[in-house]
Amino acid sequence: MFRPPRVFADVPSLRAPLPLSLIARVPLSALPVSLSFPVDDGTGSYTIVGAVSGGTVIAQAVAGPVRGRVADRGPAARLRAEVSGANAGAQG
């Protein structure tokens, strides 16, 4: 049913992007933890920390398929430009 990750590492076209994609996912799992410190400092409530972390995880779960579809739409260079522009616009 499940294949070991080594099977994917043996595919020549995946040798370069596979380790990079695994490293790129670290911030996604670290975000709820890193948000907990300022939320706790600001509110003093672990209940609110849990709600914010849970909301973050739910938002990531909803956005995951959307990110996948966007990534499959076109070339990576165009996607990087679009995401960089959206990020710059969101930061003001």
N, C-alpha and C. Protein backbone atom coordinates (compact mmCIF):
# COMPACT_ATOMS: atom_id res chain seq x y z
N MET A 1 0.82 -1.18 0.00
CA MET A 1 0.00 0.00 0.00
C MET A 1 0.87 1.26 0.00
N PHE A 2 1.75 1.41 0.98
CA PHE A 2 2.65 2.55 1.02
C PHE A 2 4.00 2.15 0.48
N ARG A 3 4.58 3.05 -0.29
CA ARG A 3 5.93 2.79 -0.80
C ARG A 3 6.94 3.56 0.04
N PRO A 4 8.09 2.98 0.28
CA PRO A 4 9.10 3.72 1.05
C PRO A 4 9.60 4.93 0.26
N PRO A 5 10.02 5.97 0.95
CA PRO A 5 10.50 7.18 0.25
C PRO A 5 11.68 6.91 -0.67
N ARG A 6 12.42 5.85 -0.42
CA ARG A 6 13.57 5.52 -1.26
C ARG A 6 13.14 5.27 -2.71
N VAL A 7 11.93 4.79 -2.92
CA VAL A 7 11.43 4.53 -4.27
C VAL A 7 11.40 5.85 -5.07
N PHE A 8 10.98 6.92 -4.42
CA PHE A 8 10.92 8.21 -5.10
C PHE A 8 12.30 8.79 -5.34
N ALA A 9 13.24 8.51 -4.44
CA ALA A 9 14.60 9.01 -4.61
C ALA A 9 15.30 8.34 -5.78
N ASP A 10 14.82 7.17 -6.20
CA ASP A 10 15.42 6.47 -7.33
C ASP A 10 14.95 7.01 -8.69
N VAL A 11 13.94 7.86 -8.70
CA VAL A 11 13.45 8.45 -9.95
C VAL A 11 14.38 9.60 -10.32
N PRO A 12 15.03 9.54 -11.48
CA PRO A 12 16.03 10.56 -11.83
C PRO A 12 15.49 11.99 -11.83
N SER A 13 14.28 12.19 -12.28
CA SER A 13 13.75 13.56 -12.36
C SER A 13 13.35 14.11 -10.99
N LEU A 14 13.33 13.27 -9.97
CA LEU A 14 12.98 13.73 -8.62
C LEU A 14 14.17 13.89 -7.69
N ARG A 15 15.36 13.54 -8.13
CA ARG A 15 16.52 13.58 -7.24
C ARG A 15 16.81 14.98 -6.73
N ALA A 16 16.72 15.98 -7.56
CA ALA A 16 17.00 17.35 -7.12
C ALA A 16 15.83 17.97 -6.36
N PRO A 17 14.61 17.92 -6.88
CA PRO A 17 13.53 18.62 -6.19
C PRO A 17 13.02 17.94 -4.92
N LEU A 18 13.22 16.64 -4.76
CA LEU A 18 12.67 15.94 -3.60
C LEU A 18 13.25 16.46 -2.28
N PRO A 19 14.56 16.53 -2.11
CA PRO A 19 15.07 17.06 -0.84
C PRO A 19 14.69 18.52 -0.62
N LEU A 20 14.69 19.31 -1.70
CA LEU A 20 14.31 20.71 -1.56
C LEU A 20 12.85 20.86 -1.15
N SER A 21 11.97 20.03 -1.69
CA SER A 21 10.56 20.12 -1.32
C SER A 21 10.33 19.70 0.13
N LEU A 22 11.11 18.74 0.59
CA LEU A 22 10.97 18.34 1.99
C LEU A 22 11.46 19.44 2.92
N ILE A 23 12.56 20.09 2.57
CA ILE A 23 13.08 21.20 3.38
C ILE A 23 12.11 22.39 3.33
N ALA A 24 11.50 22.62 2.18
CA ALA A 24 10.58 23.74 2.03
C ALA A 24 9.33 23.60 2.88
N ARG A 25 9.01 22.39 3.31
CA ARG A 25 7.82 22.17 4.13
C ARG A 25 8.05 22.43 5.62
N VAL A 26 9.28 22.60 6.03
CA VAL A 26 9.58 22.82 7.45
C VAL A 26 8.86 24.06 7.99
N PRO A 27 8.87 25.20 7.29
CA PRO A 27 8.16 26.36 7.84
C PRO A 27 6.66 26.13 8.02
N LEU A 28 6.07 25.29 7.18
CA LEU A 28 4.63 25.03 7.33
C LEU A 28 4.32 24.35 8.66
N SER A 29 5.17 23.42 9.07
CA SER A 29 4.92 22.75 10.34
C SER A 29 5.43 23.57 11.52
N ALA A 30 6.35 24.48 11.30
CA ALA A 30 6.89 25.29 12.39
C ALA A 30 6.02 26.52 12.67
N LEU A 31 5.17 26.91 11.74
CA LEU A 31 4.38 28.13 11.90
C LEU A 31 3.48 28.11 13.14
N PRO A 32 2.70 27.06 13.39
CA PRO A 32 1.87 27.10 14.60
C PRO A 32 2.70 27.20 15.89
N VAL A 33 3.85 26.57 15.92
CA VAL A 33 4.71 26.65 17.11
C VAL A 33 5.26 28.06 17.26
N SER A 34 5.74 28.63 16.15
CA SER A 34 6.32 29.97 16.24
C SER A 34 5.27 31.04 16.52
N LEU A 35 4.03 30.81 16.15
CA LEU A 35 2.96 31.76 16.48
C LEU A 35 2.58 31.69 17.95
N SER A 36 2.82 30.56 18.58
CA SER A 36 2.37 30.40 19.97
C SER A 36 3.07 31.36 20.93
N PHE A 37 4.34 31.69 20.68
CA PHE A 37 5.06 32.56 21.60
C PHE A 37 4.52 33.99 21.63
N PRO A 38 4.37 34.67 20.49
CA PRO A 38 3.82 36.03 20.57
C PRO A 38 2.36 36.07 21.01
N VAL A 39 1.59 35.06 20.64
CA VAL A 39 0.18 35.04 21.07
C VAL A 39 0.11 34.85 22.58
N ASP A 40 0.93 33.97 23.12
CA ASP A 40 0.95 33.78 24.58
C ASP A 40 1.44 35.04 25.28
N ASP A 41 2.48 35.68 24.77
CA ASP A 41 2.96 36.92 25.38
C ASP A 41 1.91 38.02 25.34
N GLY A 42 1.18 38.09 24.24
CA GLY A 42 0.18 39.15 24.09
C GLY A 42 -1.09 38.91 24.87
N THR A 43 -1.51 37.67 25.01
CA THR A 43 -2.79 37.39 25.65
C THR A 43 -2.65 36.71 27.00
N GLY A 44 -1.58 35.94 27.18
CA GLY A 44 -1.42 35.18 28.42
C GLY A 44 -2.35 33.98 28.51
N SER A 45 -2.97 33.62 27.41
CA SER A 45 -3.95 32.53 27.42
C SER A 45 -3.53 31.43 26.45
N TYR A 46 -3.36 30.24 27.00
CA TYR A 46 -3.05 29.10 26.14
C TYR A 46 -4.28 28.63 25.36
N THR A 47 -5.44 29.01 25.80
CA THR A 47 -6.65 28.69 25.06
C THR A 47 -6.65 29.41 23.72
N ILE A 48 -6.27 30.68 23.77
CA ILE A 48 -6.21 31.46 22.53
C ILE A 48 -5.07 30.95 21.65
N VAL A 49 -3.96 30.56 22.28
CA VAL A 49 -2.85 29.98 21.52
C VAL A 49 -3.33 28.74 20.77
N GLY A 50 -4.08 27.89 21.43
CA GLY A 50 -4.61 26.69 20.79
C GLY A 50 -5.56 27.02 19.66
N ALA A 51 -6.40 28.03 19.85
CA ALA A 51 -7.33 28.42 18.80
C ALA A 51 -6.60 28.98 17.59
N VAL A 52 -5.58 29.80 17.83
CA VAL A 52 -4.80 30.36 16.71
C VAL A 52 -4.04 29.26 15.99
N SER A 53 -3.41 28.36 16.74
CA SER A 53 -2.67 27.25 16.11
C SER A 53 -3.61 26.34 15.33
N GLY A 54 -4.76 26.03 15.89
CA GLY A 54 -5.74 25.21 15.19
C GLY A 54 -6.25 25.88 13.93
N GLY A 55 -6.50 27.17 14.01
CA GLY A 55 -6.94 27.91 12.83
C GLY A 55 -5.89 27.94 11.74
N THR A 56 -4.63 28.05 12.17
CA THR A 56 -3.53 28.04 11.20
C THR A 56 -3.44 26.69 10.49
N VAL A 57 -3.57 25.62 11.24
CA VAL A 57 -3.50 24.28 10.65
C VAL A 57 -4.68 24.05 9.70
N ILE A 58 -5.85 24.49 10.08
CA ILE A 58 -7.03 24.34 9.21
C ILE A 58 -6.84 25.15 7.93
N ALA A 59 -6.33 26.37 8.07
CA ALA A 59 -6.09 27.21 6.89
C ALA A 59 -5.07 26.57 5.95
N GLN A 60 -4.03 25.97 6.52
CA GLN A 60 -3.04 25.28 5.69
C GLN A 60 -3.65 24.08 4.98
N ALA A 61 -4.53 23.37 5.67
CA ALA A 61 -5.18 22.21 5.05
C ALA A 61 -6.10 22.62 3.91
N VAL A 62 -6.78 23.75 4.07
CA VAL A 62 -7.66 24.24 3.01
C VAL A 62 -6.84 24.78 1.84
N ALA A 63 -5.73 25.47 2.15
CA ALA A 63 -4.92 26.09 1.10
C ALA A 63 -4.04 25.09 0.37
N GLY A 64 -3.78 23.92 0.94
CA GLY A 64 -2.89 22.95 0.32
C GLY A 64 -3.29 22.55 -1.08
N PRO A 65 -4.52 22.10 -1.30
CA PRO A 65 -4.92 21.74 -2.67
C PRO A 65 -4.89 22.92 -3.63
N VAL A 66 -5.21 24.10 -3.13
CA VAL A 66 -5.17 25.29 -3.99
C VAL A 66 -3.73 25.58 -4.42
N ARG A 67 -2.79 25.49 -3.46
CA ARG A 67 -1.37 25.68 -3.81
C ARG A 67 -0.92 24.64 -4.83
N GLY A 68 -1.38 23.42 -4.67
CA GLY A 68 -1.01 22.36 -5.61
C GLY A 68 -1.52 22.63 -7.01
N ARG A 69 -2.76 23.10 -7.12
CA ARG A 69 -3.32 23.40 -8.44
C ARG A 69 -2.58 24.57 -9.08
N VAL A 70 -2.27 25.58 -8.28
CA VAL A 70 -1.55 26.73 -8.81
C VAL A 70 -0.15 26.30 -9.27
N ALA A 71 0.49 25.44 -8.51
CA ALA A 71 1.83 24.98 -8.88
C ALA A 71 1.81 24.17 -10.16
N ASP A 72 0.71 23.48 -10.43
CA ASP A 72 0.61 22.66 -11.63
C ASP A 72 0.18 23.44 -12.87
N ARG A 73 -0.19 24.70 -12.70
CA ARG A 73 -0.71 25.49 -13.81
C ARG A 73 0.33 25.86 -14.86
N GLY A 74 1.53 26.18 -14.42
CA GLY A 74 2.49 26.68 -15.39
C GLY A 74 3.91 26.50 -14.91
N PRO A 75 4.83 27.17 -15.56
CA PRO A 75 6.25 27.03 -15.22
C PRO A 75 6.57 27.60 -13.84
N ALA A 76 7.60 27.04 -13.24
CA ALA A 76 7.97 27.43 -11.88
C ALA A 76 8.41 28.89 -11.81
N ALA A 77 9.06 29.40 -12.83
CA ALA A 77 9.54 30.78 -12.81
C ALA A 77 8.36 31.76 -12.72
N ARG A 78 7.30 31.49 -13.46
CA ARG A 78 6.12 32.36 -13.39
C ARG A 78 5.45 32.27 -12.03
N LEU A 79 5.39 31.06 -11.49
CA LEU A 79 4.78 30.86 -10.18
C LEU A 79 5.57 31.63 -9.12
N ARG A 80 6.90 31.55 -9.18
CA ARG A 80 7.72 32.29 -8.21
C ARG A 80 7.48 33.78 -8.32
N ALA A 81 7.36 34.30 -9.52
CA ALA A 81 7.10 35.72 -9.70
C ALA A 81 5.74 36.11 -9.13
N GLU A 82 4.73 35.30 -9.37
CA GLU A 82 3.39 35.59 -8.87
C GLU A 82 3.36 35.54 -7.34
N VAL A 83 3.96 34.52 -6.76
CA VAL A 83 3.96 34.39 -5.31
C VAL A 83 4.76 35.51 -4.67
N SER A 84 5.90 35.86 -5.27
CA SER A 84 6.71 36.95 -4.73
C SER A 84 5.94 38.27 -4.78
N GLY A 85 5.25 38.50 -5.86
CA GLY A 85 4.44 39.72 -5.97
C GLY A 85 3.31 39.76 -4.96
N ALA A 86 2.64 38.62 -4.78
CA ALA A 86 1.55 38.56 -3.80
C ALA A 86 2.08 38.76 -2.39
N ASN A 87 3.25 38.17 -2.10
CA ASN A 87 3.84 38.33 -0.79
C ASN A 87 4.24 39.78 -0.53
N ALA A 88 4.85 40.41 -1.52
CA ALA A 88 5.24 41.82 -1.36
C ALA A 88 4.01 42.70 -1.19
N GLY A 89 2.95 42.42 -1.93
CA GLY A 89 1.72 43.19 -1.78
C GLY A 89 1.05 43.00 -0.43
N ALA A 90 1.13 41.78 0.10
CA ALA A 90 0.51 41.51 1.40
C ALA A 90 1.27 42.16 2.54
N GLN A 91 2.57 42.36 2.35
CA GLN A 91 3.37 42.98 3.41
C GLN A 91 3.30 44.50 3.37
N GLY A 92 2.69 45.03 2.37
CA GLY A 92 2.48 46.47 2.32
C GLY A 92 3.54 47.15 1.57
